[in-house]
Amino acid sequence: MTDAKKPVYKTSDVGLAAFLCTQDFVFLGSVKYPETVRMDFCFLSEERRDDVINAYISGTTKVSPRQFYNKVQLVKRSLRSPVSAEEELPE
């Protein structure tokens, strides 16, 4: 068995990040890029990722408003203690 790193998916879209959390994607945290205001939310990538993102973009999925709100709060809390882009994300 190799010790290869698992692929990471990054997005700066808070709504998409919250939606991925509702779909049980593993949320790794947020990353802040030095000397910019840009931040990304990082997830372990999964094979179904593109299908889930397309469902979010097209609006063909249903999520409980309460569940979505709770996940938005989770994602926003990660902004208080982001990892620097130079640091490694926890596994």
Protein backbone atom coordinates (compact mmCIF):
# COMPACT_ATOMS: atom_id res chain seq x y z
CA MET A 1 0.00 0.00 0.00
CA THR A 2 1.41 3.38 -0.96
CA ASP A 3 1.36 6.47 1.19
CA ALA A 4 0.23 8.71 -1.70
CA LYS A 5 -1.64 11.86 -0.82
CA LYS A 6 -5.34 11.85 -1.52
CA PRO A 7 -6.51 14.47 -4.05
CA VAL A 8 -7.97 17.64 -2.59
CA TYR A 9 -10.79 19.67 -4.15
CA LYS A 10 -10.78 23.42 -3.44
CA THR A 11 -13.54 25.99 -3.91
CA SER A 12 -13.97 29.60 -2.83
CA ASP A 13 -17.79 29.33 -3.08
CA VAL A 14 -19.27 29.26 0.45
CA GLY A 15 -22.60 27.87 -0.79
CA LEU A 16 -20.94 25.05 -2.71
CA ALA A 17 -18.69 24.28 0.26
CA ALA A 18 -21.73 24.03 2.55
CA PHE A 19 -23.54 21.85 0.00
CA LEU A 20 -20.56 19.48 -0.26
CA CYS A 21 -20.69 19.15 3.53
CA THR A 22 -24.38 18.19 3.32
CA GLN A 23 -23.39 15.49 0.84
CA ASP A 24 -20.88 14.01 3.32
CA PHE A 25 -17.70 15.13 1.61
CA VAL A 26 -14.79 15.24 4.08
CA PHE A 27 -14.18 18.92 4.92
CA LEU A 28 -10.48 19.56 5.58
CA GLY A 29 -10.73 23.26 6.41
CA SER A 30 -10.00 26.58 4.76
CA VAL A 31 -6.79 27.89 3.25
CA LYS A 32 -5.74 31.55 3.15
CA TYR A 33 -3.38 32.73 0.45
CA PRO A 34 -0.65 35.18 1.56
CA GLU A 35 -0.98 38.82 0.56
CA THR A 36 -4.51 38.34 -0.84
CA VAL A 37 -8.03 38.17 0.53
CA ARG A 38 -8.60 34.88 -1.30
CA MET A 39 -9.56 31.82 0.70
CA ASP A 40 -10.47 28.33 -0.42
CA PHE A 41 -12.46 25.60 1.30
CA CYS A 42 -10.80 22.21 0.93
CA PHE A 43 -12.36 18.76 0.69
CA LEU A 44 -11.11 15.27 -0.01
CA SER A 45 -11.96 14.68 -3.64
CA GLU A 46 -14.31 11.83 -4.52
CA GLU A 47 -15.27 10.19 -7.80
CA ARG A 48 -18.82 11.50 -7.50
CA ARG A 49 -17.62 15.09 -7.07
CA ASP A 50 -18.46 16.32 -10.58
CA ASP A 51 -21.98 14.84 -10.45
CA VAL A 52 -22.65 16.45 -7.06
CA ILE A 53 -21.33 19.85 -8.18
CA ASN A 54 -23.41 19.71 -11.38
CA ALA A 55 -26.52 18.90 -9.33
CA TYR A 56 -25.78 21.93 -7.09
CA ILE A 57 -25.21 24.27 -10.05
CA SER A 58 -28.30 23.10 -11.95
CA GLY A 59 -30.50 23.21 -8.84
CA THR A 60 -31.66 19.62 -9.29
CA THR A 61 -30.98 18.58 -5.71
CA LYS A 62 -32.87 18.98 -2.46
CA VAL A 63 -31.33 19.75 0.92
CA SER A 64 -33.03 20.62 4.19
CA PRO A 65 -32.76 24.38 4.79
CA ARG A 66 -31.75 23.73 8.42
CA GLN A 67 -29.02 21.29 7.36
CA PHE A 68 -27.71 23.74 4.75
CA TYR A 69 -27.70 26.61 7.27
CA ASN A 70 -25.81 24.50 9.81
CA LYS A 71 -23.18 23.61 7.21
CA VAL A 72 -22.80 27.27 6.16
CA GLN A 73 -22.05 28.06 9.80
CA LEU A 74 -19.48 25.24 9.94
CA VAL A 75 -17.73 26.49 6.80
CA LYS A 76 -17.77 30.11 8.00
CA ARG A 77 -16.26 29.09 11.37
CA SER A 78 -13.29 27.63 9.50
CA LEU A 79 -12.50 31.15 8.26
CA ARG A 80 -11.51 32.15 11.80
CA SER A 81 -8.52 29.80 11.79
CA PRO A 82 -7.46 29.09 8.21
CA VAL A 83 -4.31 27.23 7.28
CA SER A 84 -1.74 29.25 5.35
CA ALA A 85 -1.34 28.17 1.73
CA GLU A 86 2.29 27.31 2.52
CA GLU A 87 1.26 24.86 5.27
CA GLU A 88 0.02 21.32 4.75
CA LEU A 89 -3.63 20.53 5.30
CA PRO A 90 -4.39 17.96 7.99
CA GLU A 91 -5.33 14.51 6.73
